[in-house]
N, C-alpha and C. Protein backbone atom coordinates (compact mmCIF):
# COMPACT_ATOMS: atom_id res chain seq x y z
N MET A 1 0.85 -1.20 0.00
CA MET A 1 0.00 0.00 0.00
C MET A 1 0.89 1.24 0.00
N SER A 2 0.58 2.23 -0.84
CA SER A 2 1.41 3.43 -0.94
C SER A 2 1.23 4.31 0.29
N ALA A 3 2.23 5.20 0.50
CA ALA A 3 2.13 6.13 1.63
C ALA A 3 0.94 7.04 1.46
N ARG A 4 0.64 7.44 0.20
CA ARG A 4 -0.50 8.32 -0.04
C ARG A 4 -1.81 7.65 0.36
N LEU A 5 -1.97 6.36 0.00
CA LEU A 5 -3.19 5.65 0.36
C LEU A 5 -3.30 5.47 1.87
N THR A 6 -2.16 5.15 2.50
CA THR A 6 -2.17 5.00 3.95
C THR A 6 -2.56 6.30 4.62
N GLY A 7 -1.99 7.42 4.13
CA GLY A 7 -2.33 8.72 4.68
C GLY A 7 -3.79 9.06 4.49
N ARG A 8 -4.34 8.70 3.34
CA ARG A 8 -5.76 8.99 3.09
C ARG A 8 -6.64 8.18 4.03
N ALA A 9 -6.27 6.92 4.27
CA ALA A 9 -7.06 6.10 5.19
C ALA A 9 -7.06 6.70 6.59
N ALA A 10 -5.90 7.21 7.01
CA ALA A 10 -5.82 7.85 8.32
C ALA A 10 -6.66 9.11 8.37
N THR A 11 -6.66 9.86 7.26
CA THR A 11 -7.47 11.08 7.19
C THR A 11 -8.94 10.76 7.29
N VAL A 12 -9.38 9.74 6.54
CA VAL A 12 -10.79 9.35 6.58
C VAL A 12 -11.19 8.93 7.98
N ALA A 13 -10.31 8.17 8.65
CA ALA A 13 -10.61 7.75 10.02
C ALA A 13 -10.73 8.95 10.95
N ALA A 14 -9.85 9.93 10.77
CA ALA A 14 -9.90 11.13 11.60
C ALA A 14 -11.18 11.92 11.35
N VAL A 15 -11.61 11.96 10.08
CA VAL A 15 -12.84 12.66 9.73
C VAL A 15 -14.04 12.01 10.41
N VAL A 16 -14.08 10.68 10.40
CA VAL A 16 -15.18 9.97 11.05
C VAL A 16 -15.23 10.30 12.53
N VAL A 17 -14.07 10.32 13.17
CA VAL A 17 -14.01 10.64 14.60
C VAL A 17 -14.47 12.07 14.85
N ALA A 18 -14.02 13.02 14.01
CA ALA A 18 -14.40 14.42 14.19
C ALA A 18 -15.90 14.60 14.02
N THR A 19 -16.47 13.95 13.01
CA THR A 19 -17.91 14.07 12.78
C THR A 19 -18.70 13.50 13.95
N ALA A 20 -18.28 12.33 14.43
CA ALA A 20 -18.97 11.71 15.56
C ALA A 20 -18.87 12.57 16.80
N ALA A 21 -17.70 13.16 17.02
CA ALA A 21 -17.52 14.02 18.19
C ALA A 21 -18.42 15.25 18.10
N GLY A 22 -18.48 15.83 16.91
CA GLY A 22 -19.34 16.99 16.72
C GLY A 22 -20.80 16.66 16.92
N LEU A 23 -21.22 15.50 16.41
CA LEU A 23 -22.61 15.08 16.57
C LEU A 23 -22.93 14.88 18.05
N ALA A 24 -22.01 14.27 18.78
CA ALA A 24 -22.23 14.05 20.21
C ALA A 24 -22.38 15.37 20.95
N VAL A 25 -21.52 16.33 20.62
CA VAL A 25 -21.61 17.65 21.26
C VAL A 25 -22.92 18.32 20.89
N GLY A 26 -23.29 18.24 19.61
CA GLY A 26 -24.53 18.86 19.16
C GLY A 26 -25.75 18.28 19.86
N LEU A 27 -25.79 16.96 19.98
CA LEU A 27 -26.91 16.31 20.66
C LEU A 27 -26.96 16.69 22.13
N LEU A 28 -25.80 16.73 22.77
CA LEU A 28 -25.75 17.06 24.19
C LEU A 28 -26.20 18.49 24.44
N VAL A 29 -25.67 19.42 23.64
CA VAL A 29 -26.01 20.83 23.84
C VAL A 29 -27.47 21.08 23.50
N ALA A 30 -27.91 20.56 22.35
CA ALA A 30 -29.29 20.79 21.93
C ALA A 30 -30.27 20.15 22.90
N GLY A 31 -29.90 19.01 23.45
CA GLY A 31 -30.80 18.31 24.36
C GLY A 31 -30.80 18.88 25.76
N GLY A 32 -29.81 19.70 26.08
CA GLY A 32 -29.73 20.26 27.41
C GLY A 32 -29.96 21.75 27.42
N VAL A 33 -28.91 22.50 27.07
CA VAL A 33 -28.97 23.95 27.15
C VAL A 33 -30.10 24.53 26.32
N LEU A 34 -30.36 23.93 25.14
CA LEU A 34 -31.31 24.54 24.23
C LEU A 34 -32.72 23.96 24.32
N ARG A 35 -32.92 22.94 25.13
CA ARG A 35 -34.21 22.26 25.14
C ARG A 35 -35.35 23.19 25.58
N ALA A 36 -35.06 24.12 26.47
CA ALA A 36 -36.12 24.97 27.00
C ALA A 36 -36.65 25.96 25.97
N ASP A 37 -35.92 26.18 24.90
CA ASP A 37 -36.33 27.18 23.92
C ASP A 37 -35.94 26.68 22.54
N VAL A 38 -36.73 25.76 22.01
CA VAL A 38 -36.40 25.12 20.74
C VAL A 38 -36.68 26.07 19.58
N PRO A 39 -35.72 26.29 18.70
CA PRO A 39 -35.94 27.17 17.55
C PRO A 39 -37.02 26.62 16.63
N VAL A 40 -37.68 27.52 15.93
CA VAL A 40 -38.77 27.13 15.04
C VAL A 40 -38.31 27.19 13.59
N GLU A 41 -39.08 26.53 12.74
CA GLU A 41 -38.82 26.57 11.31
C GLU A 41 -38.83 28.02 10.83
N GLY A 42 -37.83 28.37 10.01
CA GLY A 42 -37.73 29.73 9.50
C GLY A 42 -36.86 30.65 10.34
N SER A 43 -36.43 30.17 11.50
CA SER A 43 -35.58 31.01 12.36
C SER A 43 -34.15 31.05 11.83
N ALA A 44 -33.41 32.05 12.28
CA ALA A 44 -32.01 32.16 11.89
C ALA A 44 -31.21 30.95 12.37
N GLU A 45 -31.54 30.46 13.57
CA GLU A 45 -30.82 29.31 14.12
C GLU A 45 -30.94 28.09 13.21
N VAL A 46 -32.16 27.80 12.78
CA VAL A 46 -32.41 26.63 11.95
C VAL A 46 -31.81 26.82 10.56
N GLY A 47 -32.02 27.98 9.97
CA GLY A 47 -31.48 28.24 8.64
C GLY A 47 -29.97 28.19 8.62
N PHE A 48 -29.35 28.77 9.63
CA PHE A 48 -27.90 28.75 9.71
C PHE A 48 -27.38 27.32 9.85
N ALA A 49 -28.02 26.52 10.70
CA ALA A 49 -27.57 25.14 10.90
C ALA A 49 -27.64 24.34 9.61
N ARG A 50 -28.68 24.54 8.83
CA ARG A 50 -28.81 23.82 7.56
C ARG A 50 -27.82 24.33 6.52
N ASP A 51 -27.80 25.64 6.33
CA ASP A 51 -26.97 26.19 5.26
C ASP A 51 -25.48 26.02 5.55
N MET A 52 -25.09 26.19 6.81
CA MET A 52 -23.67 26.07 7.11
C MET A 52 -23.20 24.63 7.01
N GLN A 53 -24.08 23.67 7.25
CA GLN A 53 -23.70 22.27 7.01
C GLN A 53 -23.35 22.06 5.54
N ALA A 54 -24.18 22.57 4.64
CA ALA A 54 -23.92 22.43 3.21
C ALA A 54 -22.66 23.19 2.81
N HIS A 55 -22.49 24.36 3.38
CA HIS A 55 -21.31 25.18 3.09
C HIS A 55 -20.04 24.45 3.54
N HIS A 56 -20.08 23.91 4.75
CA HIS A 56 -18.94 23.16 5.27
C HIS A 56 -18.66 21.92 4.42
N ALA A 57 -19.71 21.26 3.95
CA ALA A 57 -19.52 20.03 3.16
C ALA A 57 -18.69 20.31 1.92
N GLN A 58 -18.94 21.45 1.27
CA GLN A 58 -18.15 21.76 0.09
C GLN A 58 -16.70 22.07 0.45
N ALA A 59 -16.48 22.75 1.56
CA ALA A 59 -15.11 23.03 1.99
C ALA A 59 -14.36 21.73 2.26
N VAL A 60 -15.02 20.78 2.90
CA VAL A 60 -14.40 19.48 3.16
C VAL A 60 -14.07 18.78 1.85
N GLU A 61 -14.99 18.82 0.91
CA GLU A 61 -14.74 18.19 -0.39
C GLU A 61 -13.52 18.79 -1.07
N MET A 62 -13.43 20.11 -1.09
CA MET A 62 -12.29 20.76 -1.74
C MET A 62 -10.99 20.45 -1.02
N ALA A 63 -11.03 20.43 0.31
CA ALA A 63 -9.81 20.15 1.07
C ALA A 63 -9.33 18.72 0.84
N MET A 64 -10.25 17.78 0.77
CA MET A 64 -9.87 16.40 0.48
C MET A 64 -9.30 16.27 -0.93
N LEU A 65 -9.87 17.00 -1.87
CA LEU A 65 -9.36 16.95 -3.24
C LEU A 65 -7.92 17.44 -3.31
N VAL A 66 -7.62 18.56 -2.66
CA VAL A 66 -6.27 19.10 -2.79
C VAL A 66 -5.26 18.23 -2.06
N ARG A 67 -5.67 17.54 -1.01
CA ARG A 67 -4.74 16.65 -0.31
C ARG A 67 -4.30 15.50 -1.21
N ASP A 68 -5.13 15.13 -2.17
CA ASP A 68 -4.77 14.07 -3.11
C ASP A 68 -4.00 14.59 -4.31
N ARG A 69 -3.88 15.92 -4.42
CA ARG A 69 -3.30 16.51 -5.63
C ARG A 69 -2.08 17.37 -5.36
N SER A 70 -1.66 17.44 -4.12
CA SER A 70 -0.52 18.28 -3.74
C SER A 70 0.44 17.50 -2.86
N ASP A 71 1.73 17.82 -3.00
CA ASP A 71 2.75 17.25 -2.13
C ASP A 71 3.27 18.28 -1.13
N ASP A 72 2.68 19.47 -1.11
CA ASP A 72 3.10 20.52 -0.20
C ASP A 72 2.63 20.18 1.21
N ALA A 73 3.57 19.93 2.11
CA ALA A 73 3.23 19.46 3.45
C ALA A 73 2.39 20.47 4.23
N GLU A 74 2.74 21.75 4.12
CA GLU A 74 2.00 22.78 4.88
C GLU A 74 0.58 22.92 4.35
N LEU A 75 0.44 22.93 3.04
CA LEU A 75 -0.90 23.05 2.47
C LEU A 75 -1.75 21.84 2.83
N ARG A 76 -1.15 20.66 2.79
CA ARG A 76 -1.89 19.44 3.13
C ARG A 76 -2.34 19.46 4.59
N GLN A 77 -1.50 20.02 5.47
CA GLN A 77 -1.88 20.12 6.88
C GLN A 77 -3.01 21.12 7.08
N VAL A 78 -2.93 22.25 6.39
CA VAL A 78 -4.02 23.24 6.48
C VAL A 78 -5.32 22.62 5.98
N ALA A 79 -5.23 21.88 4.87
CA ALA A 79 -6.43 21.23 4.33
C ALA A 79 -7.01 20.23 5.33
N LEU A 80 -6.14 19.48 6.00
CA LEU A 80 -6.61 18.52 7.00
C LEU A 80 -7.27 19.25 8.17
N ASP A 81 -6.69 20.36 8.59
CA ASP A 81 -7.28 21.14 9.68
C ASP A 81 -8.69 21.61 9.30
N ILE A 82 -8.85 22.05 8.05
CA ILE A 82 -10.16 22.48 7.57
C ILE A 82 -11.15 21.32 7.62
N VAL A 83 -10.71 20.16 7.14
CA VAL A 83 -11.59 18.98 7.13
C VAL A 83 -12.06 18.64 8.54
N LEU A 84 -11.13 18.54 9.47
CA LEU A 84 -11.48 18.09 10.82
C LEU A 84 -12.34 19.12 11.55
N THR A 85 -11.98 20.40 11.44
CA THR A 85 -12.76 21.44 12.11
C THR A 85 -14.18 21.51 11.57
N GLN A 86 -14.30 21.50 10.26
CA GLN A 86 -15.63 21.70 9.68
C GLN A 86 -16.49 20.44 9.78
N GLN A 87 -15.89 19.26 9.76
CA GLN A 87 -16.67 18.05 9.99
C GLN A 87 -17.20 18.03 11.43
N GLN A 88 -16.39 18.45 12.37
CA GLN A 88 -16.84 18.48 13.76
C GLN A 88 -17.99 19.47 13.93
N GLN A 89 -17.89 20.62 13.29
CA GLN A 89 -18.97 21.61 13.37
C GLN A 89 -20.22 21.12 12.65
N GLN A 90 -20.05 20.43 11.53
CA GLN A 90 -21.21 19.84 10.85
C GLN A 90 -21.95 18.89 11.79
N GLY A 91 -21.20 18.09 12.52
CA GLY A 91 -21.82 17.16 13.45
C GLY A 91 -22.63 17.87 14.51
N GLN A 92 -22.11 18.99 15.01
CA GLN A 92 -22.86 19.76 16.00
C GLN A 92 -24.19 20.25 15.43
N MET A 93 -24.15 20.81 14.23
CA MET A 93 -25.37 21.38 13.64
C MET A 93 -26.38 20.29 13.29
N TYR A 94 -25.88 19.14 12.84
CA TYR A 94 -26.76 18.00 12.58
C TYR A 94 -27.45 17.58 13.88
N GLY A 95 -26.68 17.55 14.96
CA GLY A 95 -27.25 17.18 16.25
C GLY A 95 -28.31 18.14 16.73
N TRP A 96 -28.09 19.44 16.53
CA TRP A 96 -29.10 20.42 16.92
C TRP A 96 -30.43 20.14 16.22
N LEU A 97 -30.38 20.01 14.90
CA LEU A 97 -31.61 19.82 14.14
C LEU A 97 -32.31 18.53 14.54
N SER A 98 -31.53 17.50 14.81
CA SER A 98 -32.13 16.22 15.23
C SER A 98 -32.90 16.38 16.53
N VAL A 99 -32.28 17.01 17.51
CA VAL A 99 -32.94 17.17 18.81
C VAL A 99 -34.10 18.16 18.73
N TRP A 100 -33.98 19.15 17.88
CA TRP A 100 -35.07 20.11 17.71
C TRP A 100 -36.26 19.52 16.96
N GLY A 101 -36.11 18.30 16.44
CA GLY A 101 -37.20 17.64 15.73
C GLY A 101 -37.46 18.23 14.36
N LEU A 102 -36.42 18.77 13.74
CA LEU A 102 -36.56 19.42 12.43
C LEU A 102 -35.76 18.67 11.38
N PRO A 103 -36.23 18.66 10.13
CA PRO A 103 -35.50 17.95 9.07
C PRO A 103 -34.18 18.62 8.75
N GLN A 104 -33.25 17.82 8.26
CA GLN A 104 -31.94 18.35 7.91
C GLN A 104 -32.00 19.19 6.63
N ALA A 105 -32.95 18.89 5.76
CA ALA A 105 -33.06 19.59 4.47
C ALA A 105 -34.34 20.41 4.42
N THR A 106 -34.38 21.34 3.48
CA THR A 106 -35.55 22.19 3.30
C THR A 106 -35.67 22.58 1.84
N THR A 107 -36.87 22.98 1.45
CA THR A 107 -37.07 23.48 0.09
C THR A 107 -36.83 24.99 0.00
N ALA A 108 -36.59 25.62 1.14
CA ALA A 108 -36.35 27.06 1.14
C ALA A 108 -35.05 27.38 0.41
N ALA A 109 -34.99 28.55 -0.19
CA ALA A 109 -33.78 28.98 -0.90
C ALA A 109 -32.64 29.18 0.09
N PRO A 110 -31.41 28.95 -0.34
CA PRO A 110 -30.27 29.22 0.53
C PRO A 110 -30.29 30.65 1.05
N MET A 111 -29.99 30.82 2.31
CA MET A 111 -29.92 32.12 2.98
C MET A 111 -31.27 32.80 3.11
N ALA A 112 -32.37 32.05 2.90
CA ALA A 112 -33.70 32.65 3.06
C ALA A 112 -33.89 33.18 4.48
N TRP A 113 -33.27 32.53 5.45
CA TRP A 113 -33.39 32.93 6.85
C TRP A 113 -32.79 34.31 7.12
N ALA A 114 -31.92 34.77 6.23
CA ALA A 114 -31.27 36.06 6.44
C ALA A 114 -31.81 37.15 5.53
N GLN A 115 -32.69 36.79 4.60
CA GLN A 115 -33.23 37.78 3.68
C GLN A 115 -34.10 38.79 4.42
N GLY A 116 -34.07 40.03 3.96
CA GLY A 116 -34.89 41.06 4.57
C GLY A 116 -34.26 41.69 5.79
N HIS A 117 -33.03 41.23 6.12
CA HIS A 117 -32.34 41.80 7.28
C HIS A 117 -31.00 42.40 6.88
N GLY A 118 -30.86 42.67 5.58
CA GLY A 118 -29.59 43.19 5.10
C GLY A 118 -28.54 42.13 4.94
N HIS A 119 -28.97 40.84 4.93
CA HIS A 119 -28.04 39.73 4.80
C HIS A 119 -28.52 38.83 3.67
N GLY A 120 -27.69 37.82 3.37
CA GLY A 120 -28.12 36.79 2.43
C GLY A 120 -27.70 37.09 1.01
N GLY A 121 -27.89 36.09 0.15
CA GLY A 121 -27.53 36.25 -1.25
C GLY A 121 -26.09 35.88 -1.49
N ALA A 122 -25.73 35.83 -2.77
CA ALA A 122 -24.40 35.37 -3.15
C ALA A 122 -23.37 36.48 -3.19
N GLU A 123 -23.81 37.75 -3.04
CA GLU A 123 -22.87 38.82 -3.28
C GLU A 123 -21.71 38.84 -2.29
N ALA A 124 -21.93 38.32 -1.08
CA ALA A 124 -20.86 38.36 -0.08
C ALA A 124 -19.66 37.55 -0.50
N GLY A 125 -19.87 36.47 -1.25
CA GLY A 125 -18.76 35.64 -1.67
C GLY A 125 -18.53 35.66 -3.15
N GLY A 126 -19.37 36.37 -3.89
CA GLY A 126 -19.18 36.48 -5.31
C GLY A 126 -19.62 35.26 -6.08
N ALA A 127 -20.36 34.35 -5.46
CA ALA A 127 -20.80 33.15 -6.15
C ALA A 127 -22.08 33.42 -6.92
N GLU A 128 -22.39 32.52 -7.82
CA GLU A 128 -23.61 32.65 -8.58
C GLU A 128 -24.80 32.21 -7.73
N ALA A 129 -25.98 32.71 -8.09
CA ALA A 129 -27.19 32.27 -7.40
C ALA A 129 -27.65 30.95 -7.98
N GLY A 130 -28.44 30.21 -7.19
CA GLY A 130 -29.00 28.96 -7.68
C GLY A 130 -28.50 27.79 -6.87
N GLY A 131 -29.43 27.04 -6.23
CA GLY A 131 -29.02 25.90 -5.42
C GLY A 131 -28.17 26.35 -4.26
N THR A 132 -27.30 25.45 -3.78
CA THR A 132 -26.43 25.83 -2.67
C THR A 132 -25.42 26.87 -3.09
N VAL A 133 -25.22 27.05 -4.41
CA VAL A 133 -24.29 28.07 -4.87
C VAL A 133 -24.78 29.46 -4.49
N GLY A 134 -26.08 29.59 -4.16
CA GLY A 134 -26.61 30.86 -3.71
C GLY A 134 -26.07 31.30 -2.37
N MET A 135 -25.38 30.41 -1.67
CA MET A 135 -24.74 30.80 -0.42
C MET A 135 -23.43 31.51 -0.71
N PRO A 136 -23.06 32.49 0.10
CA PRO A 136 -21.83 33.24 -0.15
C PRO A 136 -20.60 32.35 -0.22
N GLY A 137 -19.79 32.58 -1.24
CA GLY A 137 -18.50 31.92 -1.35
C GLY A 137 -18.51 30.53 -1.93
N MET A 138 -19.67 29.97 -2.23
CA MET A 138 -19.72 28.61 -2.75
C MET A 138 -19.11 28.53 -4.15
N ALA A 139 -18.28 27.52 -4.37
CA ALA A 139 -17.72 27.28 -5.69
C ALA A 139 -18.80 26.72 -6.61
N THR A 140 -18.67 27.01 -7.89
CA THR A 140 -19.61 26.49 -8.87
C THR A 140 -19.23 25.05 -9.24
N ALA A 141 -20.14 24.37 -9.91
CA ALA A 141 -19.86 23.01 -10.38
C ALA A 141 -18.66 23.00 -11.32
N GLU A 142 -18.56 24.04 -12.14
CA GLU A 142 -17.44 24.12 -13.09
C GLU A 142 -16.11 24.30 -12.35
N GLN A 143 -16.12 25.10 -11.31
CA GLN A 143 -14.89 25.30 -10.53
C GLN A 143 -14.47 24.02 -9.82
N LEU A 144 -15.43 23.28 -9.29
CA LEU A 144 -15.11 22.01 -8.63
C LEU A 144 -14.56 21.01 -9.65
N ALA A 145 -15.14 20.99 -10.84
CA ALA A 145 -14.65 20.08 -11.88
C ALA A 145 -13.22 20.43 -12.25
N ALA A 146 -12.93 21.73 -12.34
CA ALA A 146 -11.57 22.16 -12.66
C ALA A 146 -10.59 21.73 -11.57
N LEU A 147 -11.02 21.81 -10.31
CA LEU A 147 -10.15 21.38 -9.21
C LEU A 147 -9.90 19.88 -9.28
N ARG A 148 -10.91 19.11 -9.62
CA ARG A 148 -10.73 17.66 -9.74
C ARG A 148 -9.73 17.32 -10.85
N ASP A 149 -9.72 18.11 -11.91
CA ASP A 149 -8.85 17.83 -13.05
C ASP A 149 -7.43 18.35 -12.85
N ALA A 150 -7.25 19.31 -11.95
CA ALA A 150 -5.94 19.95 -11.78
C ALA A 150 -5.00 19.07 -10.96
N ARG A 151 -3.71 19.33 -11.13
CA ARG A 151 -2.68 18.61 -10.38
C ARG A 151 -1.56 19.58 -10.01
N GLY A 152 -0.81 19.22 -8.98
CA GLY A 152 0.37 19.99 -8.61
C GLY A 152 0.05 21.44 -8.26
N SER A 153 0.91 22.35 -8.75
CA SER A 153 0.76 23.76 -8.40
C SER A 153 -0.54 24.35 -8.95
N ASP A 154 -1.03 23.81 -10.07
CA ASP A 154 -2.30 24.30 -10.61
C ASP A 154 -3.44 23.99 -9.64
N ALA A 155 -3.42 22.78 -9.08
CA ALA A 155 -4.44 22.40 -8.11
C ALA A 155 -4.31 23.23 -6.84
N GLU A 156 -3.08 23.45 -6.41
CA GLU A 156 -2.85 24.24 -5.19
C GLU A 156 -3.37 25.66 -5.36
N ARG A 157 -3.03 26.28 -6.48
CA ARG A 157 -3.45 27.66 -6.71
C ARG A 157 -4.98 27.76 -6.77
N LEU A 158 -5.61 26.86 -7.51
CA LEU A 158 -7.07 26.92 -7.65
C LEU A 158 -7.75 26.66 -6.31
N PHE A 159 -7.25 25.67 -5.57
CA PHE A 159 -7.82 25.39 -4.25
C PHE A 159 -7.73 26.62 -3.35
N LEU A 160 -6.57 27.24 -3.31
CA LEU A 160 -6.38 28.39 -2.42
C LEU A 160 -7.29 29.55 -2.81
N GLU A 161 -7.41 29.80 -4.10
CA GLU A 161 -8.30 30.87 -4.55
C GLU A 161 -9.75 30.57 -4.17
N LEU A 162 -10.17 29.33 -4.41
CA LEU A 162 -11.54 28.95 -4.10
C LEU A 162 -11.80 28.95 -2.59
N MET A 163 -10.83 28.46 -1.81
CA MET A 163 -11.06 28.35 -0.38
C MET A 163 -11.03 29.71 0.30
N ILE A 164 -10.23 30.63 -0.20
CA ILE A 164 -10.25 31.99 0.36
C ILE A 164 -11.63 32.60 0.16
N ALA A 165 -12.17 32.49 -1.06
CA ALA A 165 -13.51 33.02 -1.33
C ALA A 165 -14.56 32.28 -0.49
N HIS A 166 -14.36 30.96 -0.34
CA HIS A 166 -15.30 30.15 0.44
C HIS A 166 -15.30 30.57 1.90
N HIS A 167 -14.12 30.77 2.46
CA HIS A 167 -14.01 31.22 3.85
C HIS A 167 -14.60 32.61 4.03
N GLU A 168 -14.36 33.50 3.08
CA GLU A 168 -14.94 34.84 3.17
C GLU A 168 -16.47 34.75 3.20
N GLY A 169 -17.02 33.85 2.38
CA GLY A 169 -18.46 33.64 2.40
C GLY A 169 -18.93 33.04 3.70
N GLY A 170 -18.16 32.08 4.24
CA GLY A 170 -18.52 31.47 5.51
C GLY A 170 -18.53 32.48 6.65
N VAL A 171 -17.55 33.38 6.64
CA VAL A 171 -17.51 34.43 7.66
C VAL A 171 -18.73 35.34 7.53
N ALA A 172 -19.11 35.67 6.30
CA ALA A 172 -20.29 36.51 6.09
C ALA A 172 -21.55 35.83 6.61
N MET A 173 -21.68 34.52 6.35
CA MET A 173 -22.84 33.78 6.85
C MET A 173 -22.86 33.75 8.37
N ALA A 174 -21.70 33.51 8.97
CA ALA A 174 -21.63 33.45 10.43
C ALA A 174 -21.93 34.81 11.06
N ARG A 175 -21.50 35.87 10.42
CA ARG A 175 -21.82 37.21 10.94
C ARG A 175 -23.33 37.47 10.85
N SER A 176 -23.97 36.96 9.81
CA SER A 176 -25.42 37.09 9.72
C SER A 176 -26.09 36.37 10.89
N ALA A 177 -25.58 35.17 11.21
CA ALA A 177 -26.13 34.42 12.34
C ALA A 177 -25.92 35.18 13.65
N LEU A 178 -24.77 35.79 13.80
CA LEU A 178 -24.51 36.56 15.02
C LEU A 178 -25.46 37.75 15.14
N ASP A 179 -25.82 38.33 14.01
CA ASP A 179 -26.74 39.46 14.03
C ASP A 179 -28.18 39.04 14.32
N LEU A 180 -28.55 37.81 13.92
CA LEU A 180 -29.96 37.43 13.94
C LEU A 180 -30.32 36.36 14.96
N ALA A 181 -29.38 35.48 15.29
CA ALA A 181 -29.69 34.36 16.19
C ALA A 181 -29.57 34.78 17.65
N GLU A 182 -30.34 34.10 18.50
CA GLU A 182 -30.33 34.39 19.93
C GLU A 182 -29.79 33.24 20.77
N HIS A 183 -29.87 32.01 20.26
CA HIS A 183 -29.43 30.86 21.05
C HIS A 183 -27.93 30.93 21.33
N PRO A 184 -27.54 30.79 22.59
CA PRO A 184 -26.12 30.90 22.94
C PRO A 184 -25.23 29.91 22.19
N ALA A 185 -25.66 28.66 22.06
CA ALA A 185 -24.82 27.66 21.40
C ALA A 185 -24.63 27.98 19.92
N VAL A 186 -25.68 28.44 19.28
CA VAL A 186 -25.58 28.82 17.87
C VAL A 186 -24.67 30.02 17.71
N ARG A 187 -24.80 30.97 18.60
CA ARG A 187 -23.96 32.16 18.54
C ARG A 187 -22.49 31.80 18.80
N ARG A 188 -22.26 30.86 19.73
CA ARG A 188 -20.88 30.44 20.00
C ARG A 188 -20.25 29.79 18.77
N LEU A 189 -21.01 28.93 18.11
CA LEU A 189 -20.46 28.28 16.92
C LEU A 189 -20.23 29.30 15.81
N ALA A 190 -21.18 30.23 15.63
CA ALA A 190 -21.01 31.26 14.60
C ALA A 190 -19.76 32.09 14.87
N GLN A 191 -19.53 32.44 16.13
CA GLN A 191 -18.33 33.21 16.46
C GLN A 191 -17.07 32.38 16.22
N ALA A 192 -17.14 31.08 16.51
CA ALA A 192 -16.00 30.21 16.25
C ALA A 192 -15.68 30.15 14.76
N VAL A 193 -16.72 30.14 13.92
CA VAL A 193 -16.51 30.16 12.47
C VAL A 193 -15.83 31.45 12.06
N VAL A 194 -16.31 32.57 12.56
CA VAL A 194 -15.70 33.86 12.23
C VAL A 194 -14.23 33.87 12.63
N ASP A 195 -13.95 33.44 13.85
CA ASP A 195 -12.57 33.50 14.36
C ASP A 195 -11.64 32.56 13.60
N SER A 196 -12.06 31.30 13.44
CA SER A 196 -11.17 30.31 12.82
C SER A 196 -10.97 30.58 11.33
N GLN A 197 -12.05 30.94 10.64
CA GLN A 197 -11.91 31.12 9.19
C GLN A 197 -11.23 32.44 8.85
N THR A 198 -11.38 33.46 9.69
CA THR A 198 -10.64 34.70 9.47
C THR A 198 -9.14 34.44 9.61
N ALA A 199 -8.76 33.66 10.62
CA ALA A 199 -7.35 33.32 10.80
C ALA A 199 -6.84 32.47 9.64
N GLU A 200 -7.66 31.53 9.19
CA GLU A 200 -7.24 30.66 8.09
C GLU A 200 -7.11 31.41 6.77
N ILE A 201 -7.91 32.44 6.57
CA ILE A 201 -7.79 33.24 5.34
C ILE A 201 -6.39 33.82 5.24
N ALA A 202 -5.86 34.32 6.35
CA ALA A 202 -4.51 34.88 6.33
C ALA A 202 -3.48 33.82 5.97
N VAL A 203 -3.65 32.61 6.50
CA VAL A 203 -2.74 31.51 6.19
C VAL A 203 -2.85 31.13 4.71
N LEU A 204 -4.07 31.02 4.22
CA LEU A 204 -4.30 30.65 2.83
C LEU A 204 -3.72 31.70 1.88
N GLU A 205 -3.86 32.96 2.23
CA GLU A 205 -3.31 34.02 1.39
C GLU A 205 -1.78 33.94 1.35
N GLY A 206 -1.17 33.59 2.48
CA GLY A 206 0.27 33.42 2.50
C GLY A 206 0.72 32.26 1.62
N LEU A 207 -0.02 31.16 1.67
CA LEU A 207 0.30 30.01 0.82
C LEU A 207 0.11 30.35 -0.65
N LEU A 208 -0.92 31.12 -0.96
CA LEU A 208 -1.16 31.50 -2.36
C LEU A 208 -0.03 32.38 -2.88
N ALA A 209 0.44 33.29 -2.06
CA ALA A 209 1.56 34.15 -2.47
C ALA A 209 2.80 33.31 -2.76
N ARG A 210 3.00 32.26 -1.98
CA ARG A 210 4.16 31.38 -2.19
C ARG A 210 4.02 30.58 -3.48
N VAL A 211 2.81 30.09 -3.75
CA VAL A 211 2.58 29.34 -4.99
C VAL A 211 2.81 30.22 -6.20
N ASP A 212 2.43 31.49 -6.10
CA ASP A 212 2.54 32.41 -7.24
C ASP A 212 3.95 32.95 -7.44
N ASP A 213 4.86 32.72 -6.48
CA ASP A 213 6.24 33.21 -6.63
C ASP A 213 6.96 32.48 -7.77
């Protein structure tokens, strides 16, 4: 078995652990601290939990793709950090919705929970409207296909450009949740997204400058 395959197996195992840990935390918090005041359909809490799960899922996909296409140790570590952090947060949000008795999916448009409050739409991340791409910073199907086809420095550059925009969109979404949500646990996670992804943007920009040298 190659070192790359062994490393990928370890990454997948770590992702499973992170997701399970996040789900456990989400179930515990939602079942305890939040039980007295369950969010309703259409609230910022529920919309944020659904949309940010989808947003995180794309970030995880892109990070896993670049880990298979780059030999840069620092970039691969940053990508792994993104995978583990966002999978753990996905688990928390999944747990909230489960305990709140609400479905994980909805027919509502992305960011509908933030519309009419000076938030929402694709303009924050520059993405196109339509489907989950209507969320700020989401990569298009064409951009994801290009990342799958790219290798080496081309893959690294494209990943970094896409992930910087993706993180900027994620920060915008989290700031919307901070403006509109009241539940302490939801606000804590939204603030964690703002803090972690703002810091990661600086790291990603540094890596991009190095790739472009």
